[in-house]
N, C-alpha and C. Protein backbone atom coordinates (compact mmCIF):
# COMPACT_ATOMS: atom_id res chain seq x y z
N MET A 1 -124.02 70.28 116.83
CA MET A 1 -125.16 70.67 116.13
C MET A 1 -126.34 70.90 117.12
N SER A 2 -127.05 71.99 116.99
CA SER A 2 -128.14 72.35 117.98
C SER A 2 -129.20 73.08 117.26
N VAL A 3 -130.36 73.14 117.89
CA VAL A 3 -131.50 73.89 117.42
C VAL A 3 -131.58 75.11 118.31
N VAL A 4 -131.57 76.34 117.74
CA VAL A 4 -131.48 77.52 118.57
C VAL A 4 -132.51 78.52 118.12
N MET A 5 -132.80 79.50 119.02
CA MET A 5 -133.61 80.64 118.64
C MET A 5 -132.82 81.89 118.83
N ARG A 6 -132.86 82.75 117.90
CA ARG A 6 -132.06 84.00 117.99
C ARG A 6 -133.00 85.11 118.41
N PRO A 7 -132.54 86.06 119.21
CA PRO A 7 -133.31 87.28 119.49
C PRO A 7 -133.41 88.21 118.31
N ASP A 8 -134.48 89.11 118.36
CA ASP A 8 -134.50 90.16 117.33
C ASP A 8 -133.31 91.02 117.43
N ALA A 9 -133.09 91.89 116.45
CA ALA A 9 -131.83 92.70 116.32
C ALA A 9 -131.62 93.62 117.44
N ALA A 10 -132.72 94.31 117.93
CA ALA A 10 -132.59 95.24 119.07
C ALA A 10 -132.19 94.52 120.33
N THR A 11 -132.85 93.44 120.61
CA THR A 11 -132.54 92.64 121.77
C THR A 11 -131.07 92.11 121.66
N ALA A 12 -130.72 91.65 120.49
CA ALA A 12 -129.36 91.13 120.24
C ALA A 12 -128.27 92.16 120.58
N ARG A 13 -128.57 93.44 120.25
CA ARG A 13 -127.62 94.58 120.54
C ARG A 13 -127.58 94.76 122.03
N ARG A 14 -128.77 94.65 122.83
CA ARG A 14 -128.74 94.84 124.27
C ARG A 14 -127.88 93.70 124.83
N ILE A 15 -128.00 92.46 124.37
CA ILE A 15 -127.30 91.35 124.82
C ILE A 15 -125.81 91.53 124.57
N GLY A 16 -125.54 92.05 123.40
CA GLY A 16 -124.17 92.34 122.94
C GLY A 16 -123.49 93.31 123.90
N GLU A 17 -124.22 94.32 124.29
CA GLU A 17 -123.67 95.38 125.18
C GLU A 17 -123.32 94.79 126.58
N ILE A 18 -124.22 93.99 127.06
CA ILE A 18 -123.86 93.43 128.41
C ILE A 18 -122.72 92.39 128.29
N THR A 19 -122.64 91.76 127.08
CA THR A 19 -121.57 90.80 126.89
C THR A 19 -120.23 91.51 126.89
N ARG A 20 -120.24 92.73 126.23
CA ARG A 20 -118.97 93.49 126.18
C ARG A 20 -118.54 93.91 127.65
N GLU A 21 -119.50 94.34 128.45
CA GLU A 21 -119.22 94.64 129.84
C GLU A 21 -118.64 93.40 130.56
N ALA A 22 -119.27 92.22 130.34
CA ALA A 22 -118.80 90.91 130.96
C ALA A 22 -117.39 90.62 130.55
N MET A 23 -117.09 90.88 129.27
CA MET A 23 -115.82 90.58 128.82
C MET A 23 -114.71 91.50 129.42
N THR A 24 -115.13 92.70 129.77
CA THR A 24 -114.21 93.68 130.34
C THR A 24 -113.79 93.09 131.74
N VAL A 25 -114.71 92.54 132.36
CA VAL A 25 -114.44 92.03 133.79
C VAL A 25 -113.82 90.56 133.76
N ALA A 26 -114.26 89.80 132.89
CA ALA A 26 -113.74 88.38 132.79
C ALA A 26 -112.40 88.37 132.16
N GLY A 27 -112.17 89.15 131.05
CA GLY A 27 -110.88 89.14 130.40
C GLY A 27 -111.12 88.87 128.88
N GLU A 28 -110.30 89.52 128.04
CA GLU A 28 -110.51 89.45 126.63
C GLU A 28 -110.10 88.10 126.00
N GLU A 29 -109.49 87.20 126.83
CA GLU A 29 -109.04 85.91 126.28
C GLU A 29 -110.18 84.87 126.22
N HIS A 30 -111.34 85.29 126.80
CA HIS A 30 -112.47 84.36 126.77
C HIS A 30 -113.38 84.59 125.58
N TRP A 31 -114.33 83.74 125.30
CA TRP A 31 -115.15 83.80 124.12
C TRP A 31 -116.43 84.65 124.36
N PRO A 32 -116.65 85.73 123.61
CA PRO A 32 -117.87 86.56 123.77
C PRO A 32 -119.03 85.88 122.97
N THR A 33 -119.69 84.83 123.54
CA THR A 33 -120.71 84.16 122.81
C THR A 33 -121.95 85.02 122.65
N GLY A 34 -122.10 85.99 123.51
CA GLY A 34 -123.33 86.83 123.46
C GLY A 34 -123.31 87.98 122.55
N THR A 35 -122.32 88.05 121.64
CA THR A 35 -122.28 89.21 120.70
C THR A 35 -123.48 89.25 119.85
N ALA A 36 -123.75 90.42 119.28
CA ALA A 36 -125.12 90.53 118.56
C ALA A 36 -125.30 89.52 117.42
N ASP A 37 -124.22 89.10 116.79
CA ASP A 37 -124.30 88.11 115.70
C ASP A 37 -124.32 86.64 116.22
N SER A 38 -124.12 86.41 117.47
CA SER A 38 -124.21 84.99 117.89
C SER A 38 -125.10 84.74 119.13
N SER A 39 -125.71 85.71 119.66
CA SER A 39 -126.51 85.51 120.86
C SER A 39 -127.69 84.59 120.46
N HIS A 40 -128.04 83.63 121.35
CA HIS A 40 -129.13 82.75 121.04
C HIS A 40 -129.55 82.04 122.39
N PHE A 41 -130.68 81.26 122.21
CA PHE A 41 -131.25 80.40 123.27
C PHE A 41 -131.33 79.12 122.66
N THR A 42 -130.65 78.13 123.29
CA THR A 42 -130.59 76.75 122.75
C THR A 42 -131.94 75.99 123.10
N LEU A 43 -132.63 75.56 122.10
CA LEU A 43 -133.82 74.61 122.36
C LEU A 43 -133.34 73.23 122.63
N ARG A 44 -132.31 72.78 121.85
CA ARG A 44 -131.94 71.36 122.05
C ARG A 44 -130.57 71.21 121.35
N ALA A 45 -129.67 70.62 122.09
CA ALA A 45 -128.33 70.09 121.41
C ALA A 45 -128.64 68.77 120.77
N LEU A 46 -128.15 68.49 119.61
CA LEU A 46 -128.44 67.30 118.90
C LEU A 46 -127.29 66.23 118.71
N GLU A 47 -126.09 66.77 118.66
CA GLU A 47 -124.98 65.81 118.60
C GLU A 47 -123.67 66.61 118.97
N GLU A 48 -122.67 65.73 119.17
CA GLU A 48 -121.41 66.33 119.44
C GLU A 48 -120.81 66.98 118.20
N HIS A 49 -119.74 67.71 118.45
CA HIS A 49 -119.12 68.49 117.34
C HIS A 49 -118.72 67.61 116.21
N ARG A 50 -119.08 68.11 114.98
CA ARG A 50 -118.57 67.57 113.73
C ARG A 50 -117.78 68.61 113.02
N VAL A 51 -116.67 68.25 112.46
CA VAL A 51 -115.85 69.12 111.62
C VAL A 51 -116.56 69.60 110.45
N SER A 52 -117.18 68.64 109.72
CA SER A 52 -117.88 69.02 108.52
C SER A 52 -119.34 68.29 108.46
N VAL A 53 -120.16 69.01 107.83
CA VAL A 53 -121.48 68.45 107.66
C VAL A 53 -121.76 68.60 106.15
N PRO A 54 -121.75 67.41 105.45
CA PRO A 54 -121.88 67.44 103.94
C PRO A 54 -123.33 67.80 103.54
N ASP A 55 -123.31 68.35 102.33
CA ASP A 55 -124.64 68.65 101.73
C ASP A 55 -125.46 67.27 101.64
N GLY A 56 -126.73 67.27 101.86
CA GLY A 56 -127.54 66.05 101.81
C GLY A 56 -127.42 65.10 102.97
N ASP A 57 -126.84 65.61 104.10
CA ASP A 57 -126.60 64.77 105.24
C ASP A 57 -127.89 64.27 105.79
N ALA A 58 -127.99 62.95 106.00
CA ALA A 58 -129.25 62.26 106.37
C ALA A 58 -129.77 62.74 107.71
N ARG A 59 -128.78 62.91 108.65
CA ARG A 59 -129.23 63.39 110.04
C ARG A 59 -129.76 64.82 110.00
N VAL A 60 -129.16 65.67 109.24
CA VAL A 60 -129.69 66.98 109.10
C VAL A 60 -131.05 66.96 108.54
N SER A 61 -131.30 66.14 107.51
CA SER A 61 -132.65 65.96 106.91
C SER A 61 -133.68 65.55 107.93
N ARG A 62 -133.27 64.55 108.71
CA ARG A 62 -134.22 64.06 109.80
C ARG A 62 -134.42 65.18 110.82
N TYR A 63 -133.37 65.85 111.29
CA TYR A 63 -133.57 66.88 112.24
C TYR A 63 -134.50 68.04 111.79
N MET A 64 -134.39 68.40 110.55
CA MET A 64 -135.22 69.41 109.93
C MET A 64 -136.60 68.88 109.66
N ALA A 65 -136.80 67.67 109.35
CA ALA A 65 -138.08 67.14 109.09
C ALA A 65 -138.86 67.12 110.38
N ALA A 66 -138.18 66.74 111.49
CA ALA A 66 -138.82 66.80 112.84
C ALA A 66 -139.08 68.19 113.26
N LEU A 67 -138.23 69.16 112.91
CA LEU A 67 -138.44 70.50 113.29
C LEU A 67 -139.56 71.18 112.44
N ARG A 68 -139.67 70.89 111.25
CA ARG A 68 -140.72 71.40 110.40
C ARG A 68 -142.11 70.86 110.96
N GLY A 69 -142.18 69.69 111.20
CA GLY A 69 -143.37 69.09 111.85
C GLY A 69 -143.76 69.66 113.14
N THR A 70 -142.78 69.90 113.99
CA THR A 70 -142.98 70.46 115.23
C THR A 70 -143.41 71.91 115.13
N ALA A 71 -142.78 72.66 114.31
CA ALA A 71 -143.15 74.03 114.18
C ALA A 71 -144.58 74.27 113.58
N ALA A 72 -145.01 73.29 112.84
CA ALA A 72 -146.37 73.42 112.24
C ALA A 72 -147.52 73.00 113.27
N THR A 73 -147.03 72.47 114.40
CA THR A 73 -148.02 72.04 115.41
C THR A 73 -148.72 73.21 116.08
N GLY A 74 -148.14 74.43 116.01
CA GLY A 74 -148.80 75.63 116.53
C GLY A 74 -148.37 75.98 117.94
N ALA A 75 -147.16 75.64 118.34
CA ALA A 75 -146.62 76.03 119.64
C ALA A 75 -146.60 77.56 119.69
N GLY A 76 -146.41 78.17 118.44
CA GLY A 76 -146.42 79.63 118.36
C GLY A 76 -145.01 80.20 118.68
N PRO A 77 -144.81 81.44 118.48
CA PRO A 77 -143.57 82.12 118.79
C PRO A 77 -143.32 81.98 120.22
N VAL A 78 -142.00 81.94 120.60
CA VAL A 78 -141.51 81.74 121.94
C VAL A 78 -141.24 83.14 122.54
N ARG A 79 -141.89 83.46 123.63
CA ARG A 79 -141.60 84.74 124.36
C ARG A 79 -140.85 84.44 125.62
N LEU A 80 -139.84 85.31 125.83
CA LEU A 80 -138.98 85.09 127.01
C LEU A 80 -138.81 86.50 127.69
N THR A 81 -138.73 86.52 129.00
CA THR A 81 -138.37 87.78 129.70
C THR A 81 -136.96 87.55 130.18
N LEU A 82 -136.07 88.52 129.75
CA LEU A 82 -134.71 88.44 130.10
C LEU A 82 -134.44 89.07 131.54
N SER A 83 -134.30 88.19 132.48
CA SER A 83 -134.49 88.57 133.89
C SER A 83 -133.16 88.94 134.62
N GLY A 84 -132.00 88.51 134.23
CA GLY A 84 -130.82 88.72 135.00
C GLY A 84 -129.73 87.80 134.63
N LEU A 85 -128.58 87.92 135.24
CA LEU A 85 -127.37 87.18 134.97
C LEU A 85 -127.15 86.11 136.05
N THR A 86 -126.52 85.03 135.65
CA THR A 86 -126.04 83.96 136.54
C THR A 86 -124.66 83.50 136.13
N LEU A 87 -124.05 82.75 136.92
CA LEU A 87 -122.60 82.34 136.77
C LEU A 87 -122.56 80.84 136.93
N THR A 88 -121.81 80.19 136.03
CA THR A 88 -121.47 78.72 136.22
C THR A 88 -120.04 78.65 136.14
N PRO A 89 -119.43 77.40 136.41
CA PRO A 89 -118.02 77.27 136.36
C PRO A 89 -117.43 77.59 135.01
N GLY A 90 -118.25 77.49 133.94
CA GLY A 90 -117.76 77.72 132.57
C GLY A 90 -118.21 78.93 131.84
N CYS A 91 -119.17 79.72 132.44
CA CYS A 91 -119.61 80.82 131.67
C CYS A 91 -120.44 81.80 132.48
N VAL A 92 -120.78 82.92 131.85
CA VAL A 92 -121.71 83.94 132.37
C VAL A 92 -122.90 83.79 131.54
N MET A 93 -124.08 83.66 132.07
CA MET A 93 -125.32 83.46 131.29
C MET A 93 -126.36 84.47 131.66
N LEU A 94 -127.17 84.83 130.63
CA LEU A 94 -128.30 85.66 130.81
C LEU A 94 -129.53 84.71 130.99
N CYS A 95 -130.25 84.87 132.13
CA CYS A 95 -131.41 84.01 132.42
C CYS A 95 -132.65 84.52 131.61
N ALA A 96 -133.46 83.61 131.20
CA ALA A 96 -134.63 83.93 130.43
C ALA A 96 -135.82 83.13 131.02
N GLU A 97 -136.84 83.86 131.34
CA GLU A 97 -138.02 83.22 131.99
C GLU A 97 -139.11 83.14 130.89
N PRO A 98 -139.65 81.98 130.67
CA PRO A 98 -140.76 81.90 129.61
C PRO A 98 -142.03 82.65 129.92
N SER A 99 -142.53 83.33 128.96
CA SER A 99 -143.83 83.99 129.09
C SER A 99 -144.88 83.19 128.39
N GLY A 100 -145.60 82.35 129.15
CA GLY A 100 -146.50 81.38 128.58
C GLY A 100 -145.80 80.00 128.50
N ASP A 101 -146.45 79.08 127.76
CA ASP A 101 -145.94 77.71 127.70
C ASP A 101 -145.37 77.32 126.34
N ALA A 102 -145.22 78.26 125.44
CA ALA A 102 -144.81 77.97 124.02
C ALA A 102 -143.50 77.28 124.00
N ILE A 103 -142.52 77.70 124.80
CA ILE A 103 -141.20 77.03 124.77
C ILE A 103 -141.28 75.60 125.23
N GLU A 104 -141.96 75.30 126.32
CA GLU A 104 -142.10 73.95 126.80
C GLU A 104 -142.87 73.12 125.81
N ARG A 105 -143.85 73.69 125.22
CA ARG A 105 -144.61 72.87 124.18
C ARG A 105 -143.76 72.58 122.97
N LEU A 106 -142.96 73.48 122.50
CA LEU A 106 -142.03 73.30 121.44
C LEU A 106 -141.03 72.30 121.85
N TYR A 107 -140.37 72.50 122.96
CA TYR A 107 -139.33 71.44 123.41
C TYR A 107 -139.97 70.07 123.47
N ASP A 108 -141.03 69.91 124.08
CA ASP A 108 -141.64 68.50 124.22
C ASP A 108 -141.98 67.97 122.83
N ALA A 109 -142.56 68.81 122.00
CA ALA A 109 -142.96 68.28 120.67
C ALA A 109 -141.78 67.92 119.82
N TYR A 110 -140.71 68.69 119.88
CA TYR A 110 -139.52 68.34 119.14
C TYR A 110 -138.83 67.11 119.67
N GLU A 111 -138.92 66.95 120.96
CA GLU A 111 -138.30 65.74 121.64
C GLU A 111 -139.03 64.49 121.02
N GLU A 112 -140.38 64.63 121.00
CA GLU A 112 -141.13 63.51 120.56
C GLU A 112 -140.87 63.24 118.97
N ALA A 113 -140.86 64.27 118.25
CA ALA A 113 -140.59 64.19 116.86
C ALA A 113 -139.23 63.64 116.46
N LEU A 114 -138.25 63.90 117.29
CA LEU A 114 -136.98 63.48 117.05
C LEU A 114 -136.77 61.93 117.20
N GLY A 115 -137.48 61.45 118.18
CA GLY A 115 -137.37 59.95 118.48
C GLY A 115 -135.99 59.57 118.80
N GLU A 116 -135.46 58.57 118.22
CA GLU A 116 -134.03 58.16 118.50
C GLU A 116 -132.97 59.21 118.16
N ASP A 117 -133.33 60.08 117.22
CA ASP A 117 -132.35 61.14 116.92
C ASP A 117 -132.13 62.08 118.08
N GLY A 118 -132.93 62.02 119.07
CA GLY A 118 -132.79 62.94 120.29
C GLY A 118 -131.98 62.27 121.27
N TRP A 119 -131.09 61.39 120.99
CA TRP A 119 -130.23 60.63 121.92
C TRP A 119 -129.32 61.40 122.86
N LEU A 120 -128.77 62.55 122.29
CA LEU A 120 -127.83 63.30 123.03
C LEU A 120 -128.44 63.93 124.34
N GLU A 121 -129.62 64.44 124.23
CA GLU A 121 -130.28 64.91 125.45
C GLU A 121 -131.39 64.12 126.04
N ALA A 122 -131.41 62.79 125.65
CA ALA A 122 -132.39 61.87 126.09
C ALA A 122 -132.58 61.83 127.58
N ASP A 123 -131.61 62.02 128.34
CA ASP A 123 -131.61 61.96 129.86
C ASP A 123 -131.40 63.40 130.43
N PHE A 124 -131.67 64.36 129.65
CA PHE A 124 -131.42 65.75 130.05
C PHE A 124 -132.74 66.58 130.04
N ASP A 125 -133.01 67.27 131.06
CA ASP A 125 -134.19 68.10 131.09
C ASP A 125 -133.81 69.57 131.20
N ARG A 126 -134.12 70.35 130.17
CA ARG A 126 -133.78 71.78 130.08
C ARG A 126 -134.86 72.47 131.10
N ASN A 127 -134.38 72.66 132.29
CA ASN A 127 -135.32 73.31 133.19
C ASN A 127 -135.05 74.74 133.48
N ILE A 128 -134.07 75.26 132.79
CA ILE A 128 -133.80 76.71 132.72
C ILE A 128 -133.53 77.10 131.28
N TRP A 129 -133.79 78.39 130.98
CA TRP A 129 -133.59 78.91 129.70
C TRP A 129 -132.63 80.08 129.78
N TYR A 130 -131.62 80.14 128.86
CA TYR A 130 -130.61 81.10 129.02
C TYR A 130 -129.95 81.38 127.65
N SER A 131 -129.13 82.53 127.67
CA SER A 131 -128.23 82.81 126.62
C SER A 131 -126.90 82.98 127.15
N THR A 132 -125.89 82.24 126.68
CA THR A 132 -124.59 82.32 127.23
C THR A 132 -123.94 83.65 126.69
N LEU A 133 -123.42 84.43 127.55
CA LEU A 133 -122.75 85.63 127.21
C LEU A 133 -121.19 85.49 127.01
N VAL A 134 -120.64 84.73 127.96
CA VAL A 134 -119.17 84.58 127.90
C VAL A 134 -118.82 83.14 128.25
N HIS A 135 -118.09 82.48 127.35
CA HIS A 135 -117.58 81.09 127.66
C HIS A 135 -116.18 81.36 128.25
N PHE A 136 -115.84 80.79 129.36
CA PHE A 136 -114.51 80.90 129.84
C PHE A 136 -113.56 79.83 129.08
N THR A 137 -112.42 80.36 128.67
CA THR A 137 -111.52 79.47 127.90
C THR A 137 -110.37 78.99 128.75
N ARG A 138 -110.17 79.56 130.01
CA ARG A 138 -109.15 79.21 130.91
C ARG A 138 -109.57 79.86 132.30
N PRO A 139 -108.79 79.47 133.33
CA PRO A 139 -109.15 80.03 134.60
C PRO A 139 -109.20 81.52 134.56
N LEU A 140 -110.13 82.07 135.36
CA LEU A 140 -110.25 83.53 135.46
C LEU A 140 -109.06 84.11 136.22
N THR A 141 -108.66 85.32 135.70
CA THR A 141 -107.56 85.98 136.39
C THR A 141 -108.12 86.56 137.71
N ASN A 142 -109.27 87.08 137.73
CA ASN A 142 -109.81 87.68 138.91
C ASN A 142 -111.25 87.14 139.11
N PRO A 143 -111.36 85.90 139.65
CA PRO A 143 -112.74 85.24 139.73
C PRO A 143 -113.70 86.06 140.68
N GLN A 144 -113.10 86.66 141.71
CA GLN A 144 -114.04 87.42 142.67
C GLN A 144 -114.65 88.59 141.87
N ALA A 145 -113.88 89.23 141.08
CA ALA A 145 -114.45 90.39 140.34
C ALA A 145 -115.60 89.91 139.45
N VAL A 146 -115.50 88.78 138.85
CA VAL A 146 -116.56 88.19 137.96
C VAL A 146 -117.81 87.89 138.92
N VAL A 147 -117.56 87.22 140.01
CA VAL A 147 -118.59 86.81 140.97
C VAL A 147 -119.37 88.05 141.43
N ASP A 148 -118.62 89.12 141.76
CA ASP A 148 -119.22 90.41 142.26
C ASP A 148 -120.02 91.02 141.18
N TRP A 149 -119.40 91.15 139.92
CA TRP A 149 -120.10 91.83 138.80
C TRP A 149 -121.41 91.04 138.47
N VAL A 150 -121.32 89.80 138.36
CA VAL A 150 -122.54 88.96 138.07
C VAL A 150 -123.60 89.17 139.20
N GLY A 151 -123.11 89.09 140.46
CA GLY A 151 -124.02 89.26 141.60
C GLY A 151 -124.76 90.53 141.64
N GLU A 152 -124.17 91.54 141.10
CA GLU A 152 -124.80 92.88 141.11
C GLU A 152 -125.84 92.93 139.97
N ARG A 153 -125.84 91.95 139.08
CA ARG A 153 -126.80 91.90 137.98
C ARG A 153 -127.64 90.69 137.97
N ARG A 154 -127.76 90.12 139.08
CA ARG A 154 -128.68 88.87 139.20
C ARG A 154 -130.15 89.25 138.75
N GLU A 155 -130.51 90.39 139.04
CA GLU A 155 -131.86 90.92 138.64
C GLU A 155 -131.54 92.15 137.73
N LEU A 156 -131.65 91.89 136.43
CA LEU A 156 -131.32 92.93 135.44
C LEU A 156 -132.34 92.78 134.33
N GLY A 157 -133.31 93.67 134.39
CA GLY A 157 -134.37 93.61 133.35
C GLY A 157 -133.89 94.10 131.99
N LEU A 158 -133.82 93.23 131.11
CA LEU A 158 -133.41 93.47 129.75
C LEU A 158 -134.56 93.45 128.76
N GLY A 159 -135.79 93.31 129.38
CA GLY A 159 -137.00 93.33 128.54
C GLY A 159 -137.35 91.90 128.06
N GLN A 160 -138.28 91.94 127.10
CA GLN A 160 -138.76 90.60 126.57
C GLN A 160 -138.27 90.45 125.18
N VAL A 161 -138.27 89.22 124.76
CA VAL A 161 -137.86 88.88 123.43
C VAL A 161 -138.94 87.86 122.82
N GLU A 162 -139.24 88.03 121.60
CA GLU A 162 -140.04 87.05 120.92
C GLU A 162 -139.28 86.38 119.86
N CYS A 163 -139.21 85.10 119.85
CA CYS A 163 -138.46 84.31 118.97
C CYS A 163 -139.42 83.68 117.98
N ARG A 164 -139.39 84.10 116.76
CA ARG A 164 -140.37 83.60 115.68
C ARG A 164 -139.76 82.44 114.89
N ASP A 165 -138.46 82.23 114.93
CA ASP A 165 -137.85 81.22 114.10
C ASP A 165 -136.99 80.22 114.92
N VAL A 166 -136.81 79.08 114.52
CA VAL A 166 -135.87 78.13 115.09
C VAL A 166 -134.88 77.74 113.97
N GLU A 167 -133.59 77.62 114.35
CA GLU A 167 -132.57 77.32 113.36
C GLU A 167 -131.77 76.12 113.79
N LEU A 168 -131.44 75.33 112.80
CA LEU A 168 -130.42 74.22 112.99
C LEU A 168 -129.10 74.78 112.68
N VAL A 169 -128.12 74.77 113.64
CA VAL A 169 -126.88 75.36 113.54
C VAL A 169 -125.79 74.42 113.84
N VAL A 170 -124.56 74.69 113.34
CA VAL A 170 -123.33 74.10 113.79
C VAL A 170 -122.43 75.19 114.35
N TYR A 171 -121.55 74.84 115.12
CA TYR A 171 -120.56 75.85 115.73
C TYR A 171 -119.24 75.63 115.13
N ARG A 172 -118.71 76.83 114.84
CA ARG A 172 -117.35 76.84 114.23
C ARG A 172 -116.48 77.77 115.05
N PHE A 173 -115.14 77.52 115.09
CA PHE A 173 -114.15 78.39 115.71
C PHE A 173 -113.62 79.24 114.62
N ASN A 174 -113.75 80.58 114.79
CA ASN A 174 -113.25 81.60 113.76
C ASN A 174 -111.89 82.08 113.99
N GLY A 175 -111.16 81.53 114.96
CA GLY A 175 -109.88 81.99 115.25
C GLY A 175 -109.82 82.78 116.57
N SER A 176 -110.95 83.36 116.93
CA SER A 176 -111.04 84.11 118.20
C SER A 176 -112.19 83.78 119.04
N ARG A 177 -113.23 83.10 118.50
CA ARG A 177 -114.37 82.70 119.25
C ARG A 177 -115.27 81.68 118.46
N ILE A 178 -116.25 81.16 119.11
CA ILE A 178 -117.09 80.25 118.47
C ILE A 178 -118.25 81.08 117.78
N VAL A 179 -118.50 80.74 116.55
CA VAL A 179 -119.61 81.36 115.81
C VAL A 179 -120.58 80.27 115.30
N MET A 180 -121.78 80.71 115.02
CA MET A 180 -122.81 79.74 114.52
C MET A 180 -122.90 79.81 113.06
N GLU A 181 -123.07 78.67 112.39
CA GLU A 181 -123.42 78.59 110.97
C GLU A 181 -124.77 77.97 110.83
N THR A 182 -125.74 78.69 110.27
CA THR A 182 -127.06 78.14 110.16
C THR A 182 -127.17 77.26 108.92
N LEU A 183 -127.69 76.02 109.17
CA LEU A 183 -127.90 75.03 108.17
C LEU A 183 -129.31 75.14 107.52
N ASP A 184 -130.23 75.48 108.37
CA ASP A 184 -131.61 75.67 107.93
C ASP A 184 -132.40 76.33 109.03
N ALA A 185 -133.57 76.82 108.67
CA ALA A 185 -134.36 77.49 109.67
C ALA A 185 -135.89 77.28 109.33
N VAL A 186 -136.68 77.39 110.37
CA VAL A 186 -138.12 77.23 110.23
C VAL A 186 -138.87 78.34 111.03
N THR A 187 -139.93 78.89 110.52
CA THR A 187 -140.71 79.86 111.23
C THR A 187 -141.75 79.10 112.01
N LEU A 188 -141.91 79.50 113.31
CA LEU A 188 -142.84 78.90 114.16
C LEU A 188 -144.20 79.26 113.73
N GLY A 189 -145.09 78.29 113.64
CA GLY A 189 -146.52 78.44 113.29
C GLY A 189 -147.21 79.28 114.45
N HIS A 190 -148.29 79.93 114.09
CA HIS A 190 -149.10 80.63 115.07
C HIS A 190 -149.83 79.63 115.95
N ARG A 191 -149.94 80.12 117.17
CA ARG A 191 -150.69 79.19 118.13
C ARG A 191 -152.18 79.31 117.83
N PRO A 192 -152.86 78.15 117.85
CA PRO A 192 -154.34 78.28 117.58
C PRO A 192 -155.09 78.99 118.70
């Protein structure tokens, strides 16, 4: 379960296009996390995978109460500049540079509001912002081709995105990839 911000539809389509290119290089057996319907920027992971989340779940209620209180503090919409790609052992990612301090204010305020419910990332500092495009499900058939492809796109201006909502989501496997199911969402208040 995580709190995420999704890009607007036009940006999601651009992210989806670069994801399709990445999948062509990485291989179709991997998970295209950056498709237009699932691209996102994670604000905070909250707990490990749960198979089911029942209606009226107490933790979900607490996560959302903290999120509503945080959104109302006036961190404002989050603006990010999509600056290029990077590679990790497990995925291809789209890097996002904050425009202003809204994301850090939101992150810090939510951490404080969560209290003990923020245990999963209590010792973790999100010092980079990104959207995962491709999750690798097994060793790459041609790792050098992926390294080269990403290297050629380290600086790739995909524009800016403004995220006006934050969503509490769970991840589900749909038989071919991981998809997000939104449990609840909150609109970010305007910055004073």
